[in-house]
């Protein structure tokens, strides 16, 4: 029987992977998503070639299953972290898998902003940079927050799967101590903990989105 301290450490490793991967994914995915919107043919600064190239890259990365992607980029993971297995190492494939997903979530949220708001900002002489950061992002905050909650849950799911390729956390516990040893009880506990964490993240994200939504005021 695994100790409470063991489970607590596994949970901490999972939260660590998810937190770091989410931050780095948004550092990459947020500007990438904004660039996809701005450079679109109907965007405020259309650049068709750039938009097409970025779109293809994002779509390709999103199409590769996480486990396959993790194995494919193991040399990159080893070059960055010094290892291809472990909690810290899994941040690299988690980020590579999540960043394009975040970019599409951001793109979708920003495109929900009514075009009339953009036209009003343009009529007042706002630059593309000002329109992005002072109009588009603030107006899309509720949707961006919902997208963030969904992204965190997705990354959490990836982190659980990373147990099959040497990651740490609850996924590894479920695989090594549950699946490989035919111990259904341990797998069940790991799944329950993951489900609880998912529900917490979703609830927090939805509450923040509701609070940020000016239509609810």
N, C-alpha and C. Protein backbone atom coordinates (compact mmCIF):
# COMPACT_ATOMS: atom_id res chain seq x y z
N UNK A 1 0.85 -1.20 0.00
CA UNK A 1 0.00 0.00 0.00
C UNK A 1 0.88 1.25 0.00
N UNK A 2 0.59 2.18 -0.87
CA UNK A 2 1.39 3.39 -0.97
C UNK A 2 1.02 4.38 0.12
N UNK A 3 2.01 5.07 0.65
CA UNK A 3 1.79 6.00 1.76
C UNK A 3 1.17 7.31 1.28
N UNK A 4 0.62 8.04 2.22
CA UNK A 4 0.05 9.36 1.92
C UNK A 4 1.14 10.29 1.40
N UNK A 5 2.32 10.18 1.99
CA UNK A 5 3.44 11.03 1.55
C UNK A 5 3.80 10.74 0.10
N UNK A 6 3.74 9.47 -0.29
CA UNK A 6 4.03 9.08 -1.68
C UNK A 6 3.02 9.72 -2.63
N UNK A 7 1.72 9.63 -2.26
CA UNK A 7 0.68 10.22 -3.10
C UNK A 7 0.81 11.74 -3.18
N UNK A 8 1.16 12.34 -2.05
CA UNK A 8 1.33 13.80 -2.02
C UNK A 8 2.47 14.22 -2.93
N UNK A 9 3.55 13.45 -2.93
CA UNK A 9 4.69 13.77 -3.79
C UNK A 9 4.32 13.61 -5.26
N UNK A 10 3.55 12.56 -5.58
CA UNK A 10 3.10 12.35 -6.96
C UNK A 10 2.20 13.49 -7.42
N UNK A 11 1.32 13.93 -6.53
CA UNK A 11 0.44 15.06 -6.86
C UNK A 11 1.25 16.32 -7.08
N UNK A 12 2.24 16.55 -6.22
CA UNK A 12 3.10 17.73 -6.37
C UNK A 12 3.83 17.70 -7.70
N UNK A 13 4.35 16.55 -8.09
CA UNK A 13 5.07 16.43 -9.37
C UNK A 13 4.13 16.75 -10.54
N UNK A 14 2.89 16.27 -10.46
CA UNK A 14 1.92 16.55 -11.51
C UNK A 14 1.61 18.04 -11.60
N UNK A 15 1.36 18.66 -10.45
CA UNK A 15 1.06 20.10 -10.43
C UNK A 15 2.25 20.91 -10.92
N UNK A 16 3.45 20.46 -10.57
CA UNK A 16 4.67 21.15 -11.03
C UNK A 16 4.76 21.11 -12.55
N UNK A 17 4.59 19.92 -13.12
CA UNK A 17 4.65 19.78 -14.58
C UNK A 17 3.59 20.64 -15.25
N UNK A 18 2.37 20.58 -14.73
CA UNK A 18 1.26 21.32 -15.34
C UNK A 18 1.49 22.82 -15.23
N UNK A 19 1.93 23.29 -14.06
CA UNK A 19 2.12 24.73 -13.85
C UNK A 19 3.21 25.29 -14.77
N UNK A 20 4.38 24.65 -14.77
CA UNK A 20 5.48 25.14 -15.61
C UNK A 20 5.12 25.06 -17.08
N UNK A 21 4.54 23.95 -17.49
CA UNK A 21 4.18 23.77 -18.90
C UNK A 21 3.13 24.78 -19.34
N UNK A 22 2.19 25.08 -18.46
CA UNK A 22 1.15 26.05 -18.79
C UNK A 22 1.74 27.44 -18.98
N UNK A 23 2.61 27.83 -18.07
CA UNK A 23 3.23 29.16 -18.16
C UNK A 23 4.04 29.30 -19.45
N UNK A 24 4.88 28.31 -19.73
CA UNK A 24 5.72 28.37 -20.93
C UNK A 24 4.86 28.27 -22.19
N UNK A 25 3.84 27.43 -22.15
CA UNK A 25 2.95 27.27 -23.31
C UNK A 25 2.24 28.58 -23.64
N UNK A 26 1.81 29.30 -22.61
CA UNK A 26 1.16 30.59 -22.85
C UNK A 26 2.15 31.66 -23.27
N UNK A 27 3.38 31.56 -22.79
CA UNK A 27 4.41 32.51 -23.22
C UNK A 27 4.66 32.38 -24.73
N UNK A 28 4.46 31.17 -25.24
CA UNK A 28 4.62 30.92 -26.68
C UNK A 28 3.29 31.03 -27.41
N UNK A 29 2.27 30.40 -26.86
CA UNK A 29 0.98 30.30 -27.55
C UNK A 29 0.18 31.58 -27.61
N UNK A 30 0.26 32.42 -26.56
CA UNK A 30 -0.50 33.67 -26.57
C UNK A 30 -0.07 34.60 -27.70
N UNK A 31 1.23 34.96 -27.80
CA UNK A 31 1.63 35.81 -28.93
C UNK A 31 1.42 35.13 -30.28
N UNK A 32 1.59 33.81 -30.32
CA UNK A 32 1.38 33.09 -31.58
C UNK A 32 -0.09 33.17 -32.01
N UNK A 33 -1.00 32.99 -31.05
CA UNK A 33 -2.41 33.09 -31.36
C UNK A 33 -2.80 34.49 -31.81
N UNK A 34 -2.26 35.50 -31.14
CA UNK A 34 -2.52 36.89 -31.52
C UNK A 34 -1.99 37.17 -32.93
N UNK A 35 -0.82 36.62 -33.22
CA UNK A 35 -0.22 36.82 -34.54
C UNK A 35 -1.07 36.16 -35.63
N UNK A 36 -1.65 35.01 -35.31
CA UNK A 36 -2.53 34.33 -36.26
C UNK A 36 -3.76 35.19 -36.56
N UNK A 37 -4.29 35.87 -35.55
CA UNK A 37 -5.46 36.73 -35.74
C UNK A 37 -5.09 37.98 -36.52
N UNK A 38 -4.02 38.62 -36.10
CA UNK A 38 -3.61 39.88 -36.73
C UNK A 38 -3.23 39.68 -38.19
N UNK A 39 -2.54 38.58 -38.50
CA UNK A 39 -2.05 38.35 -39.87
C UNK A 39 -3.07 37.67 -40.77
N UNK A 40 -4.25 37.35 -40.24
CA UNK A 40 -5.30 36.72 -41.05
C UNK A 40 -5.75 37.67 -42.16
N UNK A 41 -6.34 37.10 -43.20
CA UNK A 41 -6.77 37.93 -44.34
C UNK A 41 -7.79 38.99 -43.93
N UNK A 42 -8.52 38.73 -42.85
CA UNK A 42 -9.48 39.71 -42.34
C UNK A 42 -8.96 40.41 -41.08
N UNK A 43 -7.67 40.24 -40.80
CA UNK A 43 -7.08 40.82 -39.61
C UNK A 43 -6.72 42.28 -39.78
N UNK A 44 -6.19 42.87 -38.71
CA UNK A 44 -5.86 44.30 -38.76
C UNK A 44 -4.55 44.57 -39.50
N UNK A 45 -3.75 43.54 -39.71
CA UNK A 45 -2.52 43.67 -40.49
C UNK A 45 -2.31 42.37 -41.27
N UNK A 46 -3.06 42.17 -42.36
CA UNK A 46 -3.01 40.90 -43.11
C UNK A 46 -1.62 40.60 -43.67
N UNK A 47 -1.12 39.39 -43.37
CA UNK A 47 0.13 38.90 -43.95
C UNK A 47 -0.13 37.44 -44.32
N UNK A 48 -0.73 37.19 -45.48
CA UNK A 48 -1.18 35.85 -45.88
C UNK A 48 -0.11 34.76 -45.79
N UNK A 49 1.09 35.06 -46.26
CA UNK A 49 2.16 34.05 -46.27
C UNK A 49 2.52 33.64 -44.85
N UNK A 50 2.74 34.63 -43.97
CA UNK A 50 3.08 34.35 -42.58
C UNK A 50 1.96 33.57 -41.90
N UNK A 51 0.73 33.99 -42.14
CA UNK A 51 -0.41 33.32 -41.53
C UNK A 51 -0.51 31.86 -41.97
N UNK A 52 -0.26 31.63 -43.26
CA UNK A 52 -0.34 30.27 -43.80
C UNK A 52 0.75 29.39 -43.20
N UNK A 53 1.97 29.92 -43.11
CA UNK A 53 3.09 29.14 -42.56
C UNK A 53 2.84 28.80 -41.10
N UNK A 54 2.43 29.80 -40.32
CA UNK A 54 2.16 29.56 -38.90
C UNK A 54 1.01 28.57 -38.72
N UNK A 55 0.00 28.71 -39.56
CA UNK A 55 -1.15 27.82 -39.49
C UNK A 55 -0.76 26.36 -39.75
N UNK A 56 0.09 26.15 -40.73
CA UNK A 56 0.54 24.79 -41.06
C UNK A 56 1.35 24.20 -39.91
N UNK A 57 2.26 24.99 -39.34
CA UNK A 57 3.09 24.52 -38.22
C UNK A 57 2.22 24.14 -37.03
N UNK A 58 1.29 25.02 -36.69
CA UNK A 58 0.40 24.77 -35.56
C UNK A 58 -0.45 23.52 -35.80
N UNK A 59 -0.98 23.37 -37.01
CA UNK A 59 -1.83 22.22 -37.31
C UNK A 59 -1.06 20.91 -37.28
N UNK A 60 0.18 20.94 -37.78
CA UNK A 60 1.00 19.72 -37.76
C UNK A 60 1.29 19.28 -36.33
N UNK A 61 1.72 20.23 -35.49
CA UNK A 61 2.05 19.89 -34.11
C UNK A 61 0.82 19.41 -33.35
N UNK A 62 -0.32 20.00 -33.64
CA UNK A 62 -1.56 19.59 -32.96
C UNK A 62 -2.03 18.21 -33.41
N UNK A 63 -1.59 17.79 -34.59
CA UNK A 63 -2.06 16.52 -35.15
C UNK A 63 -1.29 15.32 -34.62
N UNK A 64 -0.12 15.56 -34.03
CA UNK A 64 0.72 14.45 -33.55
C UNK A 64 0.27 14.04 -32.15
N UNK A 65 -0.09 12.77 -31.96
CA UNK A 65 -0.47 12.30 -30.61
C UNK A 65 0.65 12.57 -29.61
N UNK A 66 0.27 12.90 -28.38
CA UNK A 66 1.26 13.33 -27.39
C UNK A 66 2.35 12.30 -27.15
N UNK A 67 1.97 11.03 -27.00
CA UNK A 67 2.98 10.00 -26.70
C UNK A 67 4.01 9.88 -27.82
N UNK A 68 3.53 9.94 -29.07
CA UNK A 68 4.44 9.87 -30.22
C UNK A 68 5.33 11.11 -30.26
N UNK A 69 4.73 12.28 -30.01
CA UNK A 69 5.49 13.52 -30.01
C UNK A 69 6.58 13.49 -28.94
N UNK A 70 6.22 12.99 -27.74
CA UNK A 70 7.19 12.92 -26.66
C UNK A 70 8.39 12.08 -27.01
N UNK A 71 8.15 10.96 -27.70
CA UNK A 71 9.26 10.08 -28.12
C UNK A 71 10.07 10.75 -29.23
N UNK A 72 9.38 11.38 -30.17
CA UNK A 72 10.05 12.01 -31.31
C UNK A 72 11.04 13.10 -30.88
N UNK A 73 10.63 13.90 -29.90
CA UNK A 73 11.48 15.03 -29.52
C UNK A 73 12.35 14.73 -28.30
N UNK A 74 12.49 13.45 -27.97
CA UNK A 74 13.32 13.09 -26.81
C UNK A 74 14.77 13.61 -26.94
N UNK A 75 15.36 13.65 -28.16
CA UNK A 75 16.70 14.25 -28.25
C UNK A 75 16.70 15.74 -27.86
N UNK A 76 15.66 16.45 -28.26
CA UNK A 76 15.54 17.87 -27.88
C UNK A 76 15.36 17.99 -26.37
N UNK A 77 14.52 17.13 -25.81
CA UNK A 77 14.29 17.14 -24.36
C UNK A 77 15.60 16.89 -23.62
N UNK A 78 16.37 15.92 -24.09
CA UNK A 78 17.65 15.58 -23.46
C UNK A 78 18.64 16.75 -23.59
N UNK A 79 18.61 17.42 -24.73
CA UNK A 79 19.52 18.55 -24.94
C UNK A 79 19.20 19.72 -24.03
N UNK A 80 17.93 19.92 -23.74
CA UNK A 80 17.52 21.06 -22.92
C UNK A 80 17.65 20.77 -21.43
N UNK A 81 17.22 19.58 -21.01
CA UNK A 81 17.16 19.27 -19.57
C UNK A 81 18.24 18.31 -19.11
N UNK A 82 18.95 17.69 -20.04
CA UNK A 82 19.98 16.72 -19.66
C UNK A 82 19.44 15.32 -19.50
N UNK A 83 18.13 15.14 -19.66
CA UNK A 83 17.50 13.82 -19.54
C UNK A 83 16.21 13.82 -20.36
N UNK A 84 15.78 12.63 -20.74
CA UNK A 84 14.53 12.52 -21.50
C UNK A 84 13.42 11.92 -20.65
N UNK A 85 13.72 11.64 -19.38
CA UNK A 85 12.71 11.10 -18.47
C UNK A 85 12.71 11.91 -17.18
N UNK A 86 11.63 11.80 -16.43
CA UNK A 86 11.52 12.53 -15.17
C UNK A 86 10.58 13.70 -15.27
N UNK A 87 10.27 14.26 -14.12
CA UNK A 87 9.30 15.36 -14.03
C UNK A 87 9.75 16.59 -14.80
N UNK A 88 10.99 17.02 -14.56
CA UNK A 88 11.49 18.23 -15.22
C UNK A 88 11.57 18.04 -16.73
N UNK A 89 12.00 16.86 -17.16
CA UNK A 89 12.16 16.60 -18.59
C UNK A 89 10.82 16.64 -19.31
N UNK A 90 9.74 16.21 -18.66
CA UNK A 90 8.44 16.15 -19.32
C UNK A 90 7.88 17.53 -19.63
N UNK A 91 8.43 18.57 -19.02
CA UNK A 91 7.96 19.92 -19.30
C UNK A 91 8.17 20.26 -20.78
N UNK A 92 9.23 19.74 -21.38
CA UNK A 92 9.53 20.06 -22.78
C UNK A 92 8.47 19.50 -23.73
N UNK A 93 8.21 18.18 -23.73
CA UNK A 93 7.16 17.69 -24.63
C UNK A 93 5.77 18.22 -24.29
N UNK A 94 5.51 18.45 -23.01
CA UNK A 94 4.22 19.02 -22.63
C UNK A 94 4.05 20.41 -23.24
N UNK A 95 5.11 21.19 -23.21
CA UNK A 95 5.06 22.54 -23.78
C UNK A 95 4.91 22.51 -25.29
N UNK A 96 5.69 21.64 -25.94
CA UNK A 96 5.63 21.53 -27.40
C UNK A 96 4.24 21.08 -27.85
N UNK A 97 3.62 20.19 -27.08
CA UNK A 97 2.28 19.71 -27.43
C UNK A 97 1.21 20.75 -27.13
N UNK A 98 1.39 21.50 -26.03
CA UNK A 98 0.34 22.42 -25.59
C UNK A 98 0.39 23.79 -26.26
N UNK A 99 1.57 24.28 -26.60
CA UNK A 99 1.69 25.63 -27.16
C UNK A 99 0.82 25.84 -28.41
N UNK A 100 0.85 24.94 -29.39
CA UNK A 100 -0.03 25.14 -30.56
C UNK A 100 -1.51 25.05 -30.21
N UNK A 101 -1.83 24.20 -29.22
CA UNK A 101 -3.22 24.11 -28.76
C UNK A 101 -3.65 25.43 -28.13
N UNK A 102 -2.78 26.00 -27.30
CA UNK A 102 -3.06 27.29 -26.68
C UNK A 102 -3.22 28.37 -27.75
N UNK A 103 -2.36 28.33 -28.77
CA UNK A 103 -2.43 29.32 -29.85
C UNK A 103 -3.80 29.31 -30.52
N UNK A 104 -4.33 28.13 -30.79
CA UNK A 104 -5.65 28.03 -31.42
C UNK A 104 -6.76 28.47 -30.46
N UNK A 105 -6.61 28.17 -29.19
CA UNK A 105 -7.60 28.62 -28.21
C UNK A 105 -7.62 30.14 -28.13
N UNK A 106 -6.43 30.75 -28.12
CA UNK A 106 -6.33 32.21 -28.08
C UNK A 106 -6.91 32.81 -29.35
N UNK A 107 -6.57 32.23 -30.49
CA UNK A 107 -7.09 32.71 -31.77
C UNK A 107 -8.62 32.69 -31.77
N UNK A 108 -9.19 31.59 -31.31
CA UNK A 108 -10.65 31.45 -31.27
C UNK A 108 -11.28 32.50 -30.35
N UNK A 109 -10.66 32.73 -29.20
CA UNK A 109 -11.20 33.71 -28.24
C UNK A 109 -11.15 35.12 -28.79
N UNK A 110 -10.03 35.48 -29.40
CA UNK A 110 -9.87 36.84 -29.94
C UNK A 110 -10.84 37.09 -31.08
N UNK A 111 -11.10 36.08 -31.88
CA UNK A 111 -12.01 36.25 -33.02
C UNK A 111 -13.46 36.42 -32.59
N UNK A 112 -13.75 36.19 -31.32
CA UNK A 112 -15.10 36.40 -30.81
C UNK A 112 -15.39 37.88 -30.56
N UNK A 113 -14.35 38.72 -30.53
CA UNK A 113 -14.54 40.15 -30.31
C UNK A 113 -15.25 40.76 -31.52
N UNK A 114 -16.35 41.47 -31.32
CA UNK A 114 -17.09 42.07 -32.44
C UNK A 114 -16.20 42.99 -33.28
N UNK A 115 -16.35 42.90 -34.59
CA UNK A 115 -15.51 43.70 -35.48
C UNK A 115 -15.78 45.20 -35.30
N UNK A 116 -16.99 45.52 -34.86
CA UNK A 116 -17.32 46.93 -34.65
C UNK A 116 -16.43 47.58 -33.60
N UNK A 117 -16.03 46.80 -32.60
CA UNK A 117 -15.13 47.33 -31.57
C UNK A 117 -13.78 47.68 -32.18
N UNK A 118 -13.32 46.81 -33.09
CA UNK A 118 -12.03 47.05 -33.75
C UNK A 118 -12.13 48.28 -34.65
N UNK A 119 -13.22 48.39 -35.38
CA UNK A 119 -13.41 49.54 -36.27
C UNK A 119 -13.45 50.84 -35.49
N UNK A 120 -14.07 50.81 -34.31
CA UNK A 120 -14.13 52.01 -33.47
C UNK A 120 -12.72 52.43 -33.03
N UNK A 121 -11.90 51.45 -32.68
CA UNK A 121 -10.53 51.75 -32.26
C UNK A 121 -9.71 52.28 -33.43
N UNK A 122 -9.91 51.71 -34.62
CA UNK A 122 -9.19 52.18 -35.81
C UNK A 122 -9.60 53.60 -36.17
N UNK A 123 -10.89 53.91 -36.00
CA UNK A 123 -11.37 55.25 -36.34
C UNK A 123 -10.78 56.32 -35.41
N UNK A 124 -10.36 55.89 -34.22
CA UNK A 124 -9.75 56.83 -33.28
C UNK A 124 -8.23 56.89 -33.43
N UNK A 125 -7.73 56.21 -34.46
CA UNK A 125 -6.30 56.29 -34.78
C UNK A 125 -5.42 55.34 -33.99
N UNK A 126 -6.00 54.31 -33.39
CA UNK A 126 -5.20 53.36 -32.62
C UNK A 126 -4.32 52.53 -33.56
N UNK A 127 -3.10 52.26 -33.12
CA UNK A 127 -2.17 51.45 -33.91
C UNK A 127 -2.54 49.97 -33.73
N UNK A 128 -2.04 49.09 -34.63
CA UNK A 128 -2.31 47.66 -34.47
C UNK A 128 -1.91 47.13 -33.10
N UNK A 129 -0.77 47.59 -32.59
CA UNK A 129 -0.30 47.17 -31.26
C UNK A 129 -1.30 47.59 -30.18
N UNK A 130 -1.78 48.82 -30.27
CA UNK A 130 -2.75 49.30 -29.28
C UNK A 130 -4.07 48.56 -29.39
N UNK A 131 -4.49 48.25 -30.61
CA UNK A 131 -5.74 47.52 -30.81
C UNK A 131 -5.65 46.13 -30.18
N UNK A 132 -4.49 45.49 -30.35
CA UNK A 132 -4.31 44.13 -29.81
C UNK A 132 -4.37 44.13 -28.29
N UNK A 133 -3.54 44.98 -27.66
CA UNK A 133 -3.37 44.91 -26.21
C UNK A 133 -4.36 45.75 -25.42
N UNK A 134 -4.97 46.76 -26.05
CA UNK A 134 -5.91 47.61 -25.32
C UNK A 134 -7.37 47.37 -25.71
N UNK A 135 -7.58 46.61 -26.79
CA UNK A 135 -8.95 46.35 -27.24
C UNK A 135 -9.24 44.84 -27.30
N UNK A 136 -8.49 44.13 -28.14
CA UNK A 136 -8.78 42.71 -28.36
C UNK A 136 -8.62 41.86 -27.10
N UNK A 137 -7.45 41.97 -26.47
CA UNK A 137 -7.20 41.14 -25.28
C UNK A 137 -8.16 41.47 -24.13
N UNK A 138 -8.36 42.75 -23.77
CA UNK A 138 -9.31 43.05 -22.70
C UNK A 138 -10.73 42.59 -23.00
N UNK A 139 -11.18 42.78 -24.26
CA UNK A 139 -12.54 42.38 -24.63
C UNK A 139 -12.72 40.86 -24.60
N UNK A 140 -11.64 40.14 -24.85
CA UNK A 140 -11.73 38.67 -24.94
C UNK A 140 -11.37 37.98 -23.62
N UNK A 141 -11.18 38.74 -22.55
CA UNK A 141 -10.74 38.15 -21.28
C UNK A 141 -11.59 36.98 -20.79
N UNK A 142 -12.92 37.10 -20.76
CA UNK A 142 -13.72 35.96 -20.29
C UNK A 142 -13.50 34.70 -21.10
N UNK A 143 -13.49 34.85 -22.43
CA UNK A 143 -13.27 33.70 -23.30
C UNK A 143 -11.85 33.16 -23.14
N UNK A 144 -10.89 34.06 -22.99
CA UNK A 144 -9.50 33.63 -22.79
C UNK A 144 -9.36 32.84 -21.49
N UNK A 145 -10.11 33.25 -20.46
CA UNK A 145 -10.03 32.55 -19.18
C UNK A 145 -10.63 31.15 -19.30
N UNK A 146 -11.75 31.03 -20.01
CA UNK A 146 -12.34 29.71 -20.24
C UNK A 146 -11.36 28.84 -21.03
N UNK A 147 -10.75 29.44 -22.04
CA UNK A 147 -9.76 28.72 -22.84
C UNK A 147 -8.57 28.28 -22.00
N UNK A 148 -8.17 29.13 -21.05
CA UNK A 148 -7.06 28.78 -20.18
C UNK A 148 -7.40 27.58 -19.31
N UNK A 149 -8.64 27.55 -18.80
CA UNK A 149 -9.07 26.42 -17.98
C UNK A 149 -9.06 25.13 -18.79
N UNK A 150 -9.54 25.21 -20.02
CA UNK A 150 -9.56 24.04 -20.90
C UNK A 150 -8.13 23.60 -21.22
N UNK A 151 -7.25 24.58 -21.44
CA UNK A 151 -5.85 24.27 -21.77
C UNK A 151 -5.16 23.59 -20.60
N UNK A 152 -5.40 24.08 -19.39
CA UNK A 152 -4.79 23.47 -18.20
C UNK A 152 -5.25 22.03 -18.05
N UNK A 153 -6.54 21.79 -18.26
CA UNK A 153 -7.08 20.44 -18.16
C UNK A 153 -6.45 19.54 -19.22
N UNK A 154 -6.27 20.07 -20.42
CA UNK A 154 -5.64 19.31 -21.50
C UNK A 154 -4.20 18.96 -21.15
N UNK A 155 -3.46 19.93 -20.63
CA UNK A 155 -2.07 19.68 -20.23
C UNK A 155 -2.01 18.66 -19.09
N UNK A 156 -2.98 18.73 -18.19
CA UNK A 156 -3.05 17.76 -17.10
C UNK A 156 -3.25 16.35 -17.67
N UNK A 157 -4.09 16.25 -18.70
CA UNK A 157 -4.29 14.96 -19.35
C UNK A 157 -3.02 14.45 -20.01
N UNK A 158 -2.29 15.37 -20.66
CA UNK A 158 -1.00 15.00 -21.26
C UNK A 158 -0.03 14.52 -20.20
N UNK A 159 -0.01 15.21 -19.05
CA UNK A 159 0.93 14.85 -17.98
C UNK A 159 0.64 13.45 -17.46
N UNK A 160 -0.65 13.07 -17.42
CA UNK A 160 -1.00 11.72 -16.99
C UNK A 160 -0.49 10.68 -17.99
N UNK A 161 -0.61 11.00 -19.29
CA UNK A 161 -0.12 10.08 -20.31
C UNK A 161 1.39 9.96 -20.32
N UNK A 162 2.07 11.00 -19.82
CA UNK A 162 3.53 10.99 -19.83
C UNK A 162 4.11 9.86 -18.98
N UNK A 163 3.26 9.25 -18.13
CA UNK A 163 3.73 8.12 -17.35
C UNK A 163 4.21 6.96 -18.21
N UNK A 164 3.70 6.86 -19.44
CA UNK A 164 4.11 5.79 -20.35
C UNK A 164 5.47 6.05 -20.98
N UNK A 165 5.96 7.28 -20.93
CA UNK A 165 7.25 7.58 -21.56
C UNK A 165 8.25 8.13 -20.55
N UNK A 166 8.07 7.76 -19.28
CA UNK A 166 9.06 8.11 -18.27
C UNK A 166 8.82 9.39 -17.53
N UNK A 167 7.62 9.93 -17.61
CA UNK A 167 7.33 11.14 -16.86
C UNK A 167 7.10 10.83 -15.40
N UNK A 168 6.91 11.85 -14.60
CA UNK A 168 6.64 11.64 -13.18
C UNK A 168 5.19 11.89 -12.85
N UNK A 169 4.89 12.03 -11.58
CA UNK A 169 3.56 12.39 -11.15
C UNK A 169 2.58 11.24 -11.10
N UNK A 170 1.31 11.58 -11.08
CA UNK A 170 0.24 10.60 -10.93
C UNK A 170 0.17 9.63 -12.10
N UNK A 171 0.53 10.09 -13.28
CA UNK A 171 0.54 9.21 -14.44
C UNK A 171 1.50 8.06 -14.27
N UNK A 172 2.68 8.35 -13.76
CA UNK A 172 3.68 7.31 -13.53
C UNK A 172 3.22 6.33 -12.45
N UNK A 173 2.59 6.86 -11.41
CA UNK A 173 2.07 5.99 -10.35
C UNK A 173 1.03 5.04 -10.93
N UNK A 174 0.12 5.58 -11.74
CA UNK A 174 -0.93 4.75 -12.34
C UNK A 174 -0.35 3.67 -13.25
N UNK A 175 0.69 4.03 -14.00
CA UNK A 175 1.29 3.07 -14.94
C UNK A 175 2.18 2.06 -14.22
N UNK A 176 3.15 2.56 -13.44
CA UNK A 176 4.14 1.67 -12.83
C UNK A 176 3.59 0.83 -11.68
N UNK A 177 2.78 1.46 -10.84
CA UNK A 177 2.29 0.76 -9.66
C UNK A 177 0.90 0.17 -9.85
N UNK A 178 0.17 0.69 -10.85
CA UNK A 178 -1.16 0.18 -11.10
C UNK A 178 -1.23 -0.74 -12.30
N UNK A 179 -1.02 -0.19 -13.48
CA UNK A 179 -1.15 -0.96 -14.72
C UNK A 179 -0.14 -2.10 -14.80
N UNK A 180 1.15 -1.79 -14.60
CA UNK A 180 2.19 -2.82 -14.75
C UNK A 180 2.11 -3.92 -13.69
N UNK A 181 1.54 -3.60 -12.54
CA UNK A 181 1.44 -4.59 -11.46
C UNK A 181 0.01 -5.12 -11.28
N UNK A 182 -0.84 -4.79 -12.24
CA UNK A 182 -2.23 -5.26 -12.22
C UNK A 182 -2.94 -4.90 -10.91
N UNK A 183 -2.64 -3.70 -10.42
CA UNK A 183 -3.26 -3.23 -9.18
C UNK A 183 -4.30 -2.19 -9.53
N UNK A 184 -5.54 -2.65 -9.69
CA UNK A 184 -6.62 -1.75 -10.11
C UNK A 184 -6.87 -0.67 -9.07
N UNK A 185 -6.69 -1.00 -7.79
CA UNK A 185 -6.95 -0.03 -6.72
C UNK A 185 -6.09 1.21 -6.84
N UNK A 186 -4.79 1.02 -7.13
CA UNK A 186 -3.89 2.16 -7.27
C UNK A 186 -4.26 3.00 -8.48
N UNK A 187 -4.59 2.33 -9.58
CA UNK A 187 -5.02 3.07 -10.77
C UNK A 187 -6.27 3.89 -10.47
N UNK A 188 -7.19 3.30 -9.73
CA UNK A 188 -8.44 3.99 -9.41
C UNK A 188 -8.18 5.22 -8.56
N UNK A 189 -7.32 5.10 -7.56
CA UNK A 189 -6.99 6.24 -6.70
C UNK A 189 -6.35 7.35 -7.52
N UNK A 190 -5.42 6.98 -8.42
CA UNK A 190 -4.75 7.97 -9.26
C UNK A 190 -5.77 8.70 -10.14
N UNK A 191 -6.68 7.94 -10.71
CA UNK A 191 -7.71 8.53 -11.58
C UNK A 191 -8.61 9.47 -10.78
N UNK A 192 -9.00 9.06 -9.59
CA UNK A 192 -9.86 9.90 -8.75
C UNK A 192 -9.18 11.22 -8.42
N UNK A 193 -7.89 11.15 -8.05
CA UNK A 193 -7.15 12.38 -7.72
C UNK A 193 -7.09 13.29 -8.94
N UNK A 194 -6.80 12.72 -10.11
CA UNK A 194 -6.72 13.51 -11.33
C UNK A 194 -8.07 14.16 -11.64
N UNK A 195 -9.16 13.41 -11.49
CA UNK A 195 -10.50 13.94 -11.75
C UNK A 195 -10.81 15.10 -10.81
N UNK A 196 -10.46 14.94 -9.54
CA UNK A 196 -10.69 16.01 -8.56
C UNK A 196 -9.91 17.27 -8.94
N UNK A 197 -8.65 17.10 -9.32
CA UNK A 197 -7.82 18.25 -9.71
C UNK A 197 -8.40 18.93 -10.94
N UNK A 198 -8.86 18.13 -11.91
CA UNK A 198 -9.49 18.67 -13.12
C UNK A 198 -10.71 19.50 -12.78
N UNK A 199 -11.56 18.98 -11.90
CA UNK A 199 -12.76 19.70 -11.52
C UNK A 199 -12.43 21.02 -10.83
N UNK A 200 -11.39 21.02 -10.01
CA UNK A 200 -10.98 22.25 -9.32
C UNK A 200 -10.52 23.29 -10.32
N UNK A 201 -9.66 22.89 -11.26
CA UNK A 201 -9.18 23.82 -12.28
C UNK A 201 -10.32 24.37 -13.11
N UNK A 202 -11.23 23.51 -13.52
CA UNK A 202 -12.36 23.94 -14.34
C UNK A 202 -13.24 24.93 -13.58
N UNK A 203 -13.53 24.62 -12.34
CA UNK A 203 -14.39 25.48 -11.54
C UNK A 203 -13.76 26.85 -11.33
N UNK A 204 -12.48 26.87 -11.01
CA UNK A 204 -11.77 28.14 -10.80
C UNK A 204 -11.77 28.96 -12.09
N UNK A 205 -11.48 28.29 -13.21
CA UNK A 205 -11.45 28.99 -14.50
C UNK A 205 -12.79 29.57 -14.88
N UNK A 206 -13.86 28.80 -14.69
CA UNK A 206 -15.20 29.27 -15.05
C UNK A 206 -15.65 30.41 -14.15
N UNK A 207 -15.31 30.33 -12.86
CA UNK A 207 -15.67 31.41 -11.94
C UNK A 207 -14.95 32.71 -12.29
N UNK A 208 -13.67 32.60 -12.65
CA UNK A 208 -12.91 33.79 -13.04
C UNK A 208 -13.46 34.38 -14.33
N UNK A 209 -13.81 33.50 -15.27
CA UNK A 209 -14.37 33.97 -16.54
C UNK A 209 -15.68 34.71 -16.30
N UNK A 210 -16.52 34.17 -15.43
CA UNK A 210 -17.80 34.82 -15.11
C UNK A 210 -17.58 36.16 -14.44
N UNK A 211 -16.56 36.23 -13.58
CA UNK A 211 -16.25 37.48 -12.89
C UNK A 211 -15.74 38.55 -13.85
N UNK A 212 -15.00 38.11 -14.88
CA UNK A 212 -14.44 39.05 -15.85
C UNK A 212 -15.43 39.48 -16.93
N UNK A 213 -16.51 38.73 -17.06
CA UNK A 213 -17.50 39.02 -18.11
C UNK A 213 -18.33 40.24 -17.73
N UNK A 214 -18.16 41.32 -18.48
CA UNK A 214 -18.86 42.56 -18.18
C UNK A 214 -20.37 42.43 -18.40
N UNK A 215 -20.79 41.43 -19.17
CA UNK A 215 -22.22 41.26 -19.40
C UNK A 215 -22.95 40.79 -18.16
N UNK A 216 -22.20 40.25 -17.19
CA UNK A 216 -22.81 39.77 -15.96
C UNK A 216 -22.88 40.85 -14.86
N UNK A 217 -22.42 42.04 -15.19
CA UNK A 217 -22.39 43.13 -14.19
C UNK A 217 -23.65 43.98 -14.29
